Protein backbone atom coordinates (compact mmCIF):
# COMPACT_ATOMS: atom_id res chain seq x y z
CA UNK A 1 0.00 0.08 -0.01
CA UNK A 2 1.51 3.46 -1.07
CA UNK A 3 1.27 5.88 1.54
CA UNK A 4 1.48 9.60 0.66
CA UNK A 5 3.30 11.79 3.38
CA UNK A 6 0.91 14.13 5.41
CA UNK A 7 3.16 17.17 4.30
CA UNK A 8 2.27 16.30 0.77
CA UNK A 9 -1.25 15.12 1.03
CA UNK A 10 -2.18 18.24 3.01
CA UNK A 11 -0.29 20.72 1.09
CA UNK A 12 -2.46 23.84 0.40
CA UNK A 13 -4.47 24.05 -2.94
CA UNK A 14 -5.68 27.60 -2.51
CA UNK A 15 -4.11 30.96 -1.12
CA UNK A 16 -6.91 30.85 1.53
CA UNK A 17 -5.27 27.53 2.98
CA UNK A 18 -1.96 29.05 3.45
CA UNK A 19 -1.59 29.12 7.36
CA UNK A 20 -0.68 32.21 8.83
CA UNK A 21 0.27 34.09 5.58
CA UNK A 22 -3.17 36.19 5.00
CA UNK A 23 -0.85 38.98 3.75
CA UNK A 24 0.42 36.95 0.87
CA UNK A 25 -2.77 35.27 0.04
CA UNK A 26 -4.64 38.45 -0.25
CA UNK A 27 -1.81 40.10 -2.33
CA UNK A 28 -1.40 37.36 -4.94
CA UNK A 29 -5.29 36.33 -4.98
CA UNK A 30 -5.95 40.10 -5.51
CA UNK A 31 -3.30 40.40 -8.30
CA UNK A 32 -5.14 37.43 -10.44
CA UNK A 33 -8.58 38.47 -9.91
CA UNK A 34 -7.90 42.24 -10.79
CA UNK A 35 -5.61 41.30 -13.78
CA UNK A 36 -2.49 42.95 -12.37
CA UNK A 37 -0.02 39.99 -12.12
CA UNK A 38 3.76 41.07 -12.05
CA UNK A 39 6.14 39.64 -14.24
CA UNK A 40 8.36 38.62 -11.26
CA UNK A 41 7.70 37.76 -7.65
CA UNK A 42 10.34 37.07 -4.75
CA UNK A 43 8.88 34.73 -2.01
CA UNK A 44 11.09 35.00 1.06
CA UNK A 45 10.92 33.44 4.77
CA UNK A 46 11.93 30.37 6.70
CA UNK A 47 11.66 26.82 5.46
CA UNK A 48 8.42 25.14 5.62
CA UNK A 49 6.03 27.98 5.69
CA UNK A 50 4.37 27.61 2.20
CA UNK A 51 6.65 29.64 -0.27
CA UNK A 52 6.96 26.79 -2.99
CA UNK A 53 3.23 25.97 -2.18
CA UNK A 54 2.30 29.68 -2.93
CA UNK A 55 4.10 29.65 -6.02
CA UNK A 56 2.19 26.47 -7.32
CA UNK A 57 -1.16 27.92 -6.40
CA UNK A 58 -0.27 31.06 -8.47
CA UNK A 59 0.61 29.05 -11.18
CA UNK A 60 -2.72 27.01 -10.73
CA UNK A 61 -4.73 30.36 -10.73
CA UNK A 62 -3.18 31.61 -13.69
CA UNK A 63 -3.79 28.54 -15.70
CA UNK A 64 -7.16 27.19 -14.12
CA UNK A 65 -9.66 25.75 -16.48
CA UNK A 66 -12.59 26.23 -14.44
CA UNK A 67 -12.34 29.50 -12.41
CA UNK A 68 -16.19 29.84 -12.16
CA UNK A 69 -16.00 26.90 -9.55
CA UNK A 70 -12.89 28.27 -7.54
CA UNK A 71 -13.73 29.02 -3.53
CA UNK A 72 -12.87 32.76 -4.26
CA UNK A 73 -11.78 35.75 -6.54
CA UNK A 74 -8.30 34.91 -7.45
CA UNK A 75 -8.23 31.43 -6.29
CA UNK A 76 -7.78 28.13 -8.58
CA UNK A 77 -10.36 25.65 -8.62
CA UNK A 78 -7.98 22.90 -7.58
CA UNK A 79 -9.94 20.04 -9.17
CA UNK A 80 -9.39 20.87 -13.25
CA UNK A 81 -6.67 18.75 -14.98
CA UNK A 82 -4.52 21.89 -15.30
CA UNK A 83 -4.88 22.47 -11.55
CA UNK A 84 -4.27 18.69 -10.53
CA UNK A 85 -1.30 18.35 -12.76
CA UNK A 86 0.66 21.70 -11.12
CA UNK A 87 -0.43 20.70 -7.74
CA UNK A 88 0.82 17.30 -7.83
CA UNK A 89 4.27 18.30 -9.75
CA UNK A 90 3.52 16.14 -13.00
CA UNK A 91 5.27 17.59 -16.00
CA UNK A 92 3.49 20.62 -17.48
CA UNK A 93 4.64 22.42 -20.43
CA UNK A 94 3.70 25.88 -19.12
CA UNK A 95 5.03 25.52 -15.58
CA UNK A 96 8.56 24.91 -14.86
CA UNK A 97 10.12 24.23 -11.35
CA UNK A 98 13.84 24.76 -11.17
CA UNK A 99 16.14 23.75 -8.26
CA UNK A 100 18.77 26.65 -8.26
CA UNK A 101 20.98 24.60 -6.12
CA UNK A 102 21.66 22.18 -8.73
CA UNK A 103 21.31 24.58 -11.76
CA UNK A 104 22.90 27.64 -10.51
CA UNK A 105 25.40 28.75 -13.22
CA UNK A 106 25.06 31.03 -16.09
CA UNK A 107 24.46 28.49 -18.59
CA UNK A 108 21.44 27.39 -16.89
CA UNK A 109 20.25 30.82 -16.62
CA UNK A 110 20.83 31.28 -20.52
CA UNK A 111 18.84 28.13 -21.02
CA UNK A 112 15.87 29.30 -18.87
CA UNK A 113 16.05 32.69 -20.56
CA UNK A 114 15.86 31.18 -24.12
CA UNK A 115 13.00 29.08 -22.94
CA UNK A 116 10.98 31.96 -21.59
CA UNK A 117 10.95 33.40 -25.15
CA UNK A 118 8.50 30.73 -26.34
CA UNK A 119 4.84 31.41 -26.02
CA UNK A 120 2.59 29.51 -23.67
CA UNK A 121 0.63 26.55 -24.96
CA UNK A 122 -2.53 28.56 -25.10
CA UNK A 123 -3.76 32.10 -25.80
CA UNK A 124 -5.12 32.14 -22.23
CA UNK A 125 -2.49 30.45 -20.75
CA UNK A 126 0.75 31.77 -18.73
CA UNK A 127 4.21 30.29 -18.60
CA UNK A 128 5.34 30.14 -15.08
CA UNK A 129 8.94 29.60 -13.64
CA UNK A 130 9.37 28.77 -10.23
CA UNK A 131 12.84 28.95 -9.07
CA UNK A 132 13.50 27.50 -5.72
CA UNK A 133 16.50 28.22 -3.49
CA UNK A 134 17.05 31.31 -5.74
CA UNK A 135 19.89 32.53 -3.37
CA UNK A 136 22.18 29.96 -4.64
CA UNK A 137 22.27 31.44 -8.13
CA UNK A 138 25.53 32.98 -9.11
CA UNK A 139 26.14 36.63 -9.75
CA UNK A 140 26.78 35.82 -13.31
CA UNK A 141 23.51 33.71 -13.72
CA UNK A 142 21.55 36.83 -12.26
CA UNK A 143 23.14 38.94 -14.87
CA UNK A 144 21.97 36.44 -17.61
CA UNK A 145 18.47 37.01 -16.14
CA UNK A 146 18.54 40.68 -15.58
CA UNK A 147 17.45 41.68 -19.18
CA UNK A 148 14.47 39.30 -19.36
CA UNK A 149 13.28 40.39 -16.12
CA UNK A 150 13.52 44.08 -17.07
CA UNK A 151 11.62 43.29 -20.37
CA UNK A 152 9.82 40.05 -19.92
CA UNK A 153 7.73 38.50 -22.91
CA UNK A 154 4.02 38.62 -22.63
CA UNK A 155 2.27 36.06 -20.22
CA UNK A 156 5.53 34.84 -18.66
CA UNK A 157 5.92 34.95 -14.76
CA UNK A 158 8.84 34.34 -12.79
CA UNK A 159 8.53 33.40 -8.97
CA UNK A 160 11.77 33.13 -6.93
CA UNK A 161 11.77 31.43 -3.71
CA UNK A 162 14.49 31.93 -1.08
CA UNK A 163 15.24 31.52 2.50
CA UNK A 164 18.06 33.89 2.53
CA UNK A 165 17.08 37.28 0.43
CA UNK A 166 20.02 39.01 1.65
CA UNK A 167 22.33 36.83 -0.29
CA UNK A 168 20.35 37.92 -3.65
CA UNK A 169 20.61 41.67 -2.49
CA UNK A 170 24.37 41.26 -2.13
CA UNK A 171 25.22 39.65 -5.24
CA UNK A 172 22.37 40.98 -7.45
CA UNK A 173 20.90 44.35 -5.94
CA UNK A 174 19.64 45.31 -9.22
CA UNK A 175 17.17 42.40 -9.39
CA UNK A 176 15.59 43.42 -6.13
CA UNK A 177 13.83 46.57 -7.79
CA UNK A 178 12.75 44.29 -10.65
CA UNK A 179 10.34 41.99 -8.55
CA UNK A 180 7.44 42.15 -6.12
CA UNK A 181 8.71 40.87 -2.84
CA UNK A 182 6.32 38.90 -0.23
CA UNK A 183 7.81 37.94 3.10
CA UNK A 184 6.33 34.96 4.48
CA UNK A 185 6.14 34.93 8.49
CA UNK A 186 7.14 32.14 10.63
CA UNK A 187 4.12 30.23 11.88
CA UNK A 188 3.09 30.52 15.59
CA UNK A 189 2.79 27.21 17.57
CA UNK A 190 -0.92 27.80 18.11
CA UNK A 191 -1.54 28.00 14.29
CA UNK A 192 0.52 25.00 13.58
CA UNK A 193 -1.70 22.87 16.69
CA UNK A 194 -5.05 24.05 15.01
CA UNK A 195 -3.88 23.05 11.31
CA UNK A 196 -2.46 19.63 12.92
CA UNK A 197 -5.98 19.18 14.56
CA UNK A 198 -7.72 19.58 11.48
CA UNK A 199 -5.24 17.04 9.79
CA UNK A 200 -5.59 14.32 12.49
CA UNK A 201 -9.44 14.65 12.08
CA UNK A 202 -9.35 14.38 8.40
CA UNK A 203 -7.01 11.51 8.47
CA UNK A 204 -8.41 9.50 11.41
CA UNK A 205 -5.48 9.91 13.52
CA UNK A 206 -5.95 9.46 17.43
CA UNK A 207 -3.57 11.71 19.10
CA UNK A 208 -3.46 13.60 22.47
CA UNK A 209 -3.66 17.45 22.64
CA UNK A 210 -0.36 17.62 24.60
CA UNK A 211 1.37 15.43 21.83
CA UNK A 212 0.20 18.15 19.20
CA UNK A 213 1.72 21.17 21.35
CA UNK A 214 4.81 19.24 21.69
CA UNK A 215 5.10 18.44 17.99
CA UNK A 216 4.16 22.31 17.23
CA UNK A 217 7.04 23.44 19.75
CA UNK A 218 9.41 21.28 17.84
CA UNK A 219 8.39 22.31 14.51
CA UNK A 220 9.82 25.88 15.30
CA UNK A 221 7.67 27.70 13.07
CA UNK A 222 7.68 25.24 9.98
CA UNK A 223 4.23 23.72 8.95
CA UNK A 224 5.90 21.33 6.74
CA UNK A 225 8.34 20.28 9.76
CA UNK A 226 5.22 19.85 11.85
CA UNK A 227 3.35 17.32 9.44
CA UNK A 228 6.60 15.53 8.95
CA UNK A 229 7.01 15.19 12.76
CA UNK A 230 3.45 13.89 13.07
CA UNK A 231 4.03 11.55 10.31
CA UNK A 232 7.20 10.20 11.90
CA UNK A 233 5.42 9.87 15.52
CA UNK A 234 2.44 7.82 13.59
CA UNK A 235 4.83 5.49 12.10
CA UNK A 236 6.51 4.94 15.53
CA UNK A 237 3.92 2.78 17.11
CA UNK A 238 0.34 1.77 17.36
CA UNK A 239 -2.50 3.25 19.25
CA UNK A 240 -2.83 6.76 20.60
CA UNK A 241 -0.12 9.18 19.86
CA UNK A 242 1.01 10.46 23.40
CA UNK A 243 3.48 13.17 24.34
CA UNK A 244 5.44 10.36 25.96
CA UNK A 245 5.70 8.65 22.36
CA UNK A 246 6.43 11.92 20.49
CA UNK A 247 9.45 12.35 22.96
CA UNK A 248 10.54 8.88 22.04
CA UNK A 249 9.91 9.07 18.47
CA UNK A 250 11.89 12.23 18.04
CA UNK A 251 14.63 11.53 20.44
CA UNK A 252 13.24 14.75 22.78
CA UNK A 253 14.29 15.28 26.19
CA UNK A 254 11.26 14.83 28.70
CA UNK A 255 9.99 17.66 30.79
CA UNK A 256 10.61 16.15 34.20
CA UNK A 257 14.35 16.65 33.29
CA UNK A 258 13.84 20.42 32.73
CA UNK A 259 11.66 20.54 35.88
CA UNK A 260 14.49 18.75 37.81
CA UNK A 261 17.04 21.38 36.36
CA UNK A 262 14.68 24.22 37.56
CA UNK A 263 14.99 22.86 41.22
CA UNK A 264 18.79 22.12 40.84
CA UNK A 265 19.76 25.74 40.08
CA UNK A 266 17.19 27.48 42.27
CA UNK A 267 18.66 25.64 45.33
CA UNK A 268 22.38 25.86 44.12
CA UNK A 269 22.75 22.28 44.17
CA UNK A 270 26.52 22.43 42.42
CA UNK A 271 27.34 18.92 43.57
CA UNK A 272 24.24 17.51 41.55
CA UNK A 273 25.57 19.22 38.27
CA UNK A 274 27.80 16.30 37.17
CA UNK A 275 25.51 13.53 38.00
CA UNK A 276 22.74 15.39 36.12
CA UNK A 277 24.71 15.60 32.96
CA UNK A 278 25.89 12.06 33.30
CA UNK A 279 22.43 10.69 33.09
CA UNK A 280 21.74 12.92 30.06
CA UNK A 281 24.74 11.68 28.35
CA UNK A 282 24.07 7.97 29.21
CA UNK A 283 20.33 8.40 27.86
CA UNK A 284 21.92 9.30 24.72
CA UNK A 285 20.54 13.17 24.91
CA UNK A 286 21.46 15.64 22.14
CA UNK A 287 23.23 18.09 24.38
CA UNK A 288 22.69 20.76 21.77
CA UNK A 289 19.10 20.21 21.83
CA UNK A 290 19.27 20.16 25.90
CA UNK A 291 20.61 23.55 25.73
CA UNK A 292 18.11 24.79 23.25
CA UNK A 293 15.30 23.26 25.35
CA UNK A 294 16.65 24.84 28.54
CA UNK A 295 16.89 28.36 26.91
CA UNK A 296 13.13 27.94 26.19
CA UNK A 297 12.23 27.08 29.44
CA UNK A 298 14.15 29.63 31.29
CA UNK A 299 12.67 32.32 28.84
CA UNK A 300 9.18 30.81 29.98
CA UNK A 301 10.32 31.47 33.51
CA UNK A 302 11.33 35.00 32.71
CA UNK A 303 8.01 35.73 31.02
CA UNK A 304 6.13 34.25 33.96
CA UNK A 305 8.25 36.70 36.62
CA UNK A 306 7.31 39.56 34.56
CA UNK A 307 3.53 39.05 34.76
CA UNK A 308 3.08 37.47 31.25
CA UNK A 309 1.76 33.75 30.21
CA UNK A 310 4.37 31.62 28.26
CA UNK A 311 3.08 30.28 25.15
CA UNK A 312 3.70 26.86 23.39
CA UNK A 313 3.98 25.06 26.59
CA UNK A 314 2.77 21.53 27.20
CA UNK A 315 0.74 21.05 30.39
CA UNK A 316 3.57 19.39 32.41
CA UNK A 317 6.17 21.96 31.51
CA UNK A 318 3.73 24.79 32.25
CA UNK A 319 3.06 23.09 35.81
CA UNK A 320 6.89 23.10 36.34
CA UNK A 321 7.33 26.77 35.33
CA UNK A 322 4.27 27.48 37.48
CA UNK A 323 5.84 25.86 40.39
CA UNK A 324 9.49 27.22 40.05
CA UNK A 325 9.25 30.65 38.75
CA UNK A 326 8.87 32.52 42.12
CA UNK A 327 12.23 30.96 43.30
CA UNK A 328 13.68 33.05 40.60
CA UNK A 329 14.31 37.01 40.16
CA UNK A 330 14.04 38.46 36.89
CA UNK A 331 17.56 39.89 36.85
CA UNK A 332 18.99 36.60 37.72
CA UNK A 333 17.20 34.50 34.66
CA UNK A 334 18.28 37.50 32.34
CA UNK A 335 21.81 37.09 33.51
CA UNK A 336 21.35 33.33 32.79
CA UNK A 337 20.25 33.39 29.63
CA UNK A 338 23.03 35.94 28.41
CA UNK A 339 25.27 33.19 29.72
CA UNK A 340 23.64 30.59 27.80
CA UNK A 341 23.54 32.69 24.40
CA UNK A 342 27.35 33.18 24.86
CA UNK A 343 27.91 29.38 25.33
CA UNK A 344 25.42 28.01 22.66
CA UNK A 345 27.60 28.54 19.75
CA UNK A 346 30.67 26.96 21.39
CA UNK A 347 28.48 23.74 22.37
CA UNK A 348 27.29 23.26 18.78
CA UNK A 349 30.84 23.52 17.45
CA UNK A 350 32.84 21.84 20.35
CA UNK A 351 33.56 18.12 19.91
CA UNK A 352 33.39 18.17 23.86
CA UNK A 353 30.12 19.48 24.26
CA UNK A 354 29.63 17.81 27.75
CA UNK A 355 32.26 20.01 29.20
CA UNK A 356 30.40 23.14 28.05
CA UNK A 357 27.15 22.21 29.21
CA UNK A 358 28.60 21.18 32.77
CA UNK A 359 30.36 24.53 33.04
CA UNK A 360 27.42 26.56 32.03
CA UNK A 361 25.16 24.66 34.78
CA UNK A 362 27.76 25.30 37.42
CA UNK A 363 27.85 29.07 36.50
CA UNK A 364 24.29 29.25 36.89
CA UNK A 365 24.40 27.23 40.12
CA UNK A 366 26.95 29.25 41.45
CA UNK A 367 25.61 32.54 40.32
CA UNK A 368 25.43 35.27 42.89
CA UNK A 369 21.97 36.45 43.17
CA UNK A 370 20.92 40.06 42.69
CA UNK A 371 18.95 41.75 45.25
CA UNK A 372 17.14 44.89 45.56
CA UNK A 373 19.16 47.89 47.21
CA UNK A 374 16.30 48.61 49.39
CA UNK A 375 16.12 45.16 50.74
CA UNK A 376 19.52 44.92 51.74
CA UNK A 377 19.27 48.34 53.45
CA UNK A 378 16.35 47.19 55.28
CA UNK A 379 18.11 44.14 56.34
CA UNK A 380 20.96 46.43 57.83
CA UNK A 381 18.32 48.73 59.55
CA UNK A 382 18.52 51.50 57.45
CA UNK A 383 16.25 53.06 54.64
CA UNK A 384 17.50 54.59 51.64
CA UNK A 385 15.91 58.23 52.02
CA UNK A 386 17.58 58.46 55.51
CA UNK A 387 20.99 57.87 54.64
CA UNK A 388 23.70 60.64 53.92
CA UNK A 389 27.52 60.34 53.56
CA UNK A 390 29.33 62.47 56.37
CA UNK A 391 32.75 63.89 55.20
CA UNK A 392 35.09 65.81 57.18
CA UNK A 393 36.54 69.06 55.86
CA UNK A 394 40.07 68.12 56.91
CA UNK A 395 42.56 66.39 54.26
CA UNK A 396 42.75 63.20 56.51
CA UNK A 397 40.90 60.39 54.61
CA UNK A 398 37.59 59.45 56.94
CA UNK A 399 35.80 56.36 56.74
CA UNK A 400 32.18 57.24 55.36
CA UNK A 401 29.41 56.69 57.84
CA UNK A 402 25.78 56.57 57.52
CA UNK A 403 23.77 59.25 59.81
CA UNK A 404 19.88 59.81 60.00
CA UNK A 405 18.30 62.91 58.62
CA UNK A 406 14.76 63.52 58.83
CA UNK A 407 14.33 64.24 55.06
CA UNK A 408 15.87 63.32 51.77
CA UNK A 409 19.21 64.82 51.45
CA UNK A 410 20.45 67.18 48.54
CA UNK A 411 23.31 64.96 47.31
CA UNK A 412 25.25 67.92 46.01
CA UNK A 413 24.46 69.68 49.34
CA UNK A 414 25.71 66.71 51.41
CA UNK A 415 29.15 67.00 49.59
CA UNK A 416 29.50 70.96 50.45
CA UNK A 417 32.33 71.70 52.68
CA UNK A 418 31.61 74.95 54.61
CA UNK A 419 28.51 76.00 52.75
CA UNK A 420 27.36 79.70 53.52
CA UNK A 421 31.10 80.74 53.94
CA UNK A 422 31.92 84.22 53.34
CA UNK A 423 34.00 85.00 49.93
CA UNK A 424 37.07 83.29 50.41
CA UNK A 425 39.52 81.91 47.38
CA UNK A 426 40.93 79.50 49.84
CA UNK A 427 37.38 77.94 50.42
CA UNK A 428 36.82 77.88 46.64
CA UNK A 429 40.01 76.13 45.86
CA UNK A 430 39.43 73.51 48.45
CA UNK A 431 35.95 72.95 46.86
CA UNK A 432 36.72 73.22 43.47
CA UNK A 433 36.79 69.37 42.79
CA UNK A 434 33.22 69.39 43.92
CA UNK A 435 32.15 72.27 41.71
CA UNK A 436 33.91 70.26 38.65
CA UNK A 437 31.99 67.20 39.60
CA UNK A 438 28.77 68.97 40.27
CA UNK A 439 29.07 70.69 36.70
CA UNK A 440 29.85 67.15 35.18
CA UNK A 441 26.46 65.79 36.68
CA UNK A 442 24.80 68.29 34.16
CA UNK A 443 27.22 68.31 31.36
CA UNK A 444 30.15 66.11 30.56
CA UNK A 445 31.70 68.31 27.91
CA UNK A 446 31.77 71.36 30.44
CA UNK A 447 33.18 69.36 32.87
CA UNK A 448 35.95 68.38 30.69
CA UNK A 449 36.66 72.21 29.88
CA UNK A 450 36.24 72.96 33.58
CA UNK A 451 38.74 70.48 34.58
CA UNK A 452 41.30 72.56 33.01
CA UNK A 453 40.82 75.66 35.32
CA UNK A 454 42.09 76.62 38.40
CA UNK A 455 40.43 79.29 40.88
CA UNK A 456 42.68 82.40 41.58
CA UNK A 457 40.44 84.53 43.61
CA UNK A 458 36.94 84.94 44.58
CA UNK A 459 36.28 88.26 46.39
CA UNK A 460 33.32 90.98 46.10
CA UNK A 461 31.29 88.32 44.00
CA UNK A 462 34.01 88.35 41.01
CA UNK A 463 35.43 84.64 40.73
CA UNK A 464 38.54 84.59 38.58
CA UNK A 465 39.78 81.26 37.08
CA UNK A 466 43.16 80.69 35.22
CA UNK A 467 42.44 78.49 32.08
CA UNK A 468 45.19 76.14 30.56
CA UNK A 469 44.67 75.30 26.66
CA UNK A 470 42.60 78.64 26.43
CA UNK A 471 41.80 78.43 22.93
CA UNK A 472 40.52 75.09 23.27
CA UNK A 473 38.28 75.20 26.04
CA UNK A 474 37.24 79.07 26.34
CA UNK A 475 34.30 78.98 24.08
CA UNK A 476 32.60 76.24 26.31
CA UNK A 477 33.42 78.05 29.35
CA UNK A 478 31.94 81.29 27.97
CA UNK A 479 28.61 79.78 26.75
CA UNK A 480 28.09 78.11 30.14
CA UNK A 481 28.74 80.77 32.57
CA UNK A 482 25.36 80.52 34.12
CA UNK A 483 25.79 76.60 34.88
CA UNK A 484 29.16 77.26 36.58
CA UNK A 485 28.07 80.06 38.58
CA UNK A 486 25.19 78.21 39.97
CA UNK A 487 27.32 75.32 40.74
CA UNK A 488 29.89 77.45 42.68
CA UNK A 489 27.14 78.98 44.68
CA UNK A 490 25.27 75.78 45.25
CA UNK A 491 28.75 74.16 46.58
CA UNK A 492 30.35 77.06 48.60
CA UNK A 493 27.58 79.50 49.05
CA UNK A 494 29.21 82.30 47.44
CA UNK A 495 27.36 84.87 45.72
CA UNK A 496 28.83 84.79 42.02
CA UNK A 497 28.15 88.11 40.18
CA UNK A 498 30.67 87.32 37.47
CA UNK A 499 33.35 85.09 36.14
CA UNK A 500 36.73 85.93 34.79
CA UNK A 501 38.89 83.94 32.85
CA UNK A 502 42.49 84.28 32.57
CA UNK A 503 44.94 82.64 30.36
CA UNK A 504 47.76 80.66 32.25
CA UNK A 505 51.03 82.44 31.89
CA UNK A 506 53.74 81.20 29.77
CA UNK A 507 56.02 78.85 31.83
CA UNK A 508 53.56 78.35 34.68
CA UNK A 509 52.92 74.70 35.76
CA UNK A 510 50.10 75.17 38.15
CA UNK A 511 48.33 71.85 39.43
CA UNK A 512 45.14 71.40 38.12
CA UNK A 513 42.28 70.21 40.13
CA UNK A 514 42.37 66.72 38.12
CA UNK A 515 43.76 65.52 34.79
CA UNK A 516 41.28 65.78 31.94
CA UNK A 517 38.78 62.93 31.72
CA UNK A 518 39.31 60.50 28.91
CA UNK A 519 36.18 60.25 26.92
CA UNK A 520 35.98 56.51 26.64
CA UNK A 521 34.14 53.66 27.84
CA UNK A 522 35.78 53.80 31.20
CA UNK A 523 34.84 57.70 31.67
CA UNK A 524 31.46 56.66 30.73
CA UNK A 525 31.02 54.13 33.26
CA UNK A 526 32.57 56.23 36.01
CA UNK A 527 30.04 59.00 34.84
CA UNK A 528 27.15 56.56 35.44
CA UNK A 529 28.65 55.45 38.79
CA UNK A 530 28.63 59.00 39.97
CA UNK A 531 25.16 59.77 38.74
CA UNK A 532 23.95 56.64 40.76
CA UNK A 533 25.98 57.96 44.01
CA UNK A 534 24.06 61.24 43.56
CA UNK A 535 20.83 59.78 43.47
CA UNK A 536 21.35 57.50 46.24
CA UNK A 537 24.12 59.13 48.80
CA UNK A 538 23.59 55.80 50.97
CA UNK A 539 25.47 53.70 48.31
CA UNK A 540 29.02 54.18 49.30
CA UNK A 541 27.86 53.86 53.03
CA UNK A 542 26.27 50.46 52.27
CA UNK A 543 29.13 49.38 50.33
CA UNK A 544 31.57 50.21 53.29
CA UNK A 545 29.26 48.49 55.77
CA UNK A 546 29.01 45.22 53.83
CA UNK A 547 32.56 45.38 52.19
CA UNK A 548 31.35 45.66 48.78
CA UNK A 549 32.66 46.89 45.65
CA UNK A 550 30.14 49.16 43.45
CA UNK A 551 30.40 47.98 40.02
CA UNK A 552 27.18 49.53 38.28
């Protein structure tokens, strides 16, 4: 008894049968019904989503012998001799399918160009050339086709299908402007499940709902892959197709393993990592598939933590995620997924994938947990709004301490030595680094210019600053007099009526308040840390109390 594969048996015969490709169906059917068919189309998208099927349906619609009985405008009837031959792939003089992977050279393209010059077999018919894997054509082959794409013969249509349109754009950019492009979408798991349910009902197959969910998950957006996987599960045994049977037939890892992993990592059971991976290896599990599945599981955990509802999960896996997601924080899972992304490529390439998997799981189980700063403060008996750093005015370094304050402090005022003092150039010189930092909190470029200045005097409301590299920095200082004056008043309490800038005398080597900041990544990071410390003055005190390093 001859068996027809489900992927072929239930291949779409009309535009409306294309799953999750309504935009393509509407565009192509509309072009046929309105007589506005283009001479060349480019169908792009992942494998198994209906590109070649759509090309065949277009050829059927253009050459249908019984359009009156078609299910809708622009659709083929699917029953006439022409439609049947085209759909089944039987030789047809007016519809030619070409595999560009094996016919990719310039000679093949020239032959195709010459064949296209011959008229169709009838006055009402179209010649349709379907070129699959079109990205495999060489640059020379595209050049040979370019002229006929610019000035095609009447009633000739080219349909190019590809999974990698970027390669065509790179090797044959002029072609892209001479074709109409339709991008096929990856099919969602729920759409695949619904189509599989229709297929099993039509074919009389007894299957559990969870098994279909599992197949849809493994199909990864491809309807053809979903049907092929279903076919494989049907052939594996007798009776009802269960989720366990699908896992066994496809060599998938059972969800109990992922549930165990969720618990192992959450409880930081590092000693169990090696036995856990050993069981996977002994069971013959594909470690690359395991890592991919693990990423999907922890992605579902992250979605759940953030208040969403994960899609495409079987009932057993959804239960495991529901049971364990509260044991993780969003920050921890995000860091874990970043580690996985950095490791996954190495696992795929390495001949010793086991070592990479063990290392990854150990990193996860040893990962320091992130906590909210407010939680730590509460744990040590403080709260963020009531912490302020107290600094002495002397030059002797003093360990920062936490003191209580009835209201949230002004982070700049907290660092102001001798605020409210009378006009004093000495006080201004001592406070100058703080003035530079206060300005830097609002403008990094002005901070760069101000770091090249040194206060000379501050009497009767006139502040005189000595400027090095005057020509470079003077313009920025002039434009931001108001910001600088405001910062001086805020830090020192001095009333600034005017600012005067004096170029540094030749031969003078006065020590600057600090060296110019390098505008690089390290400076950016230091700038952000300064901002964090201004927003939360208790940060440094907390770091000192708990012997921590503030990273970012």
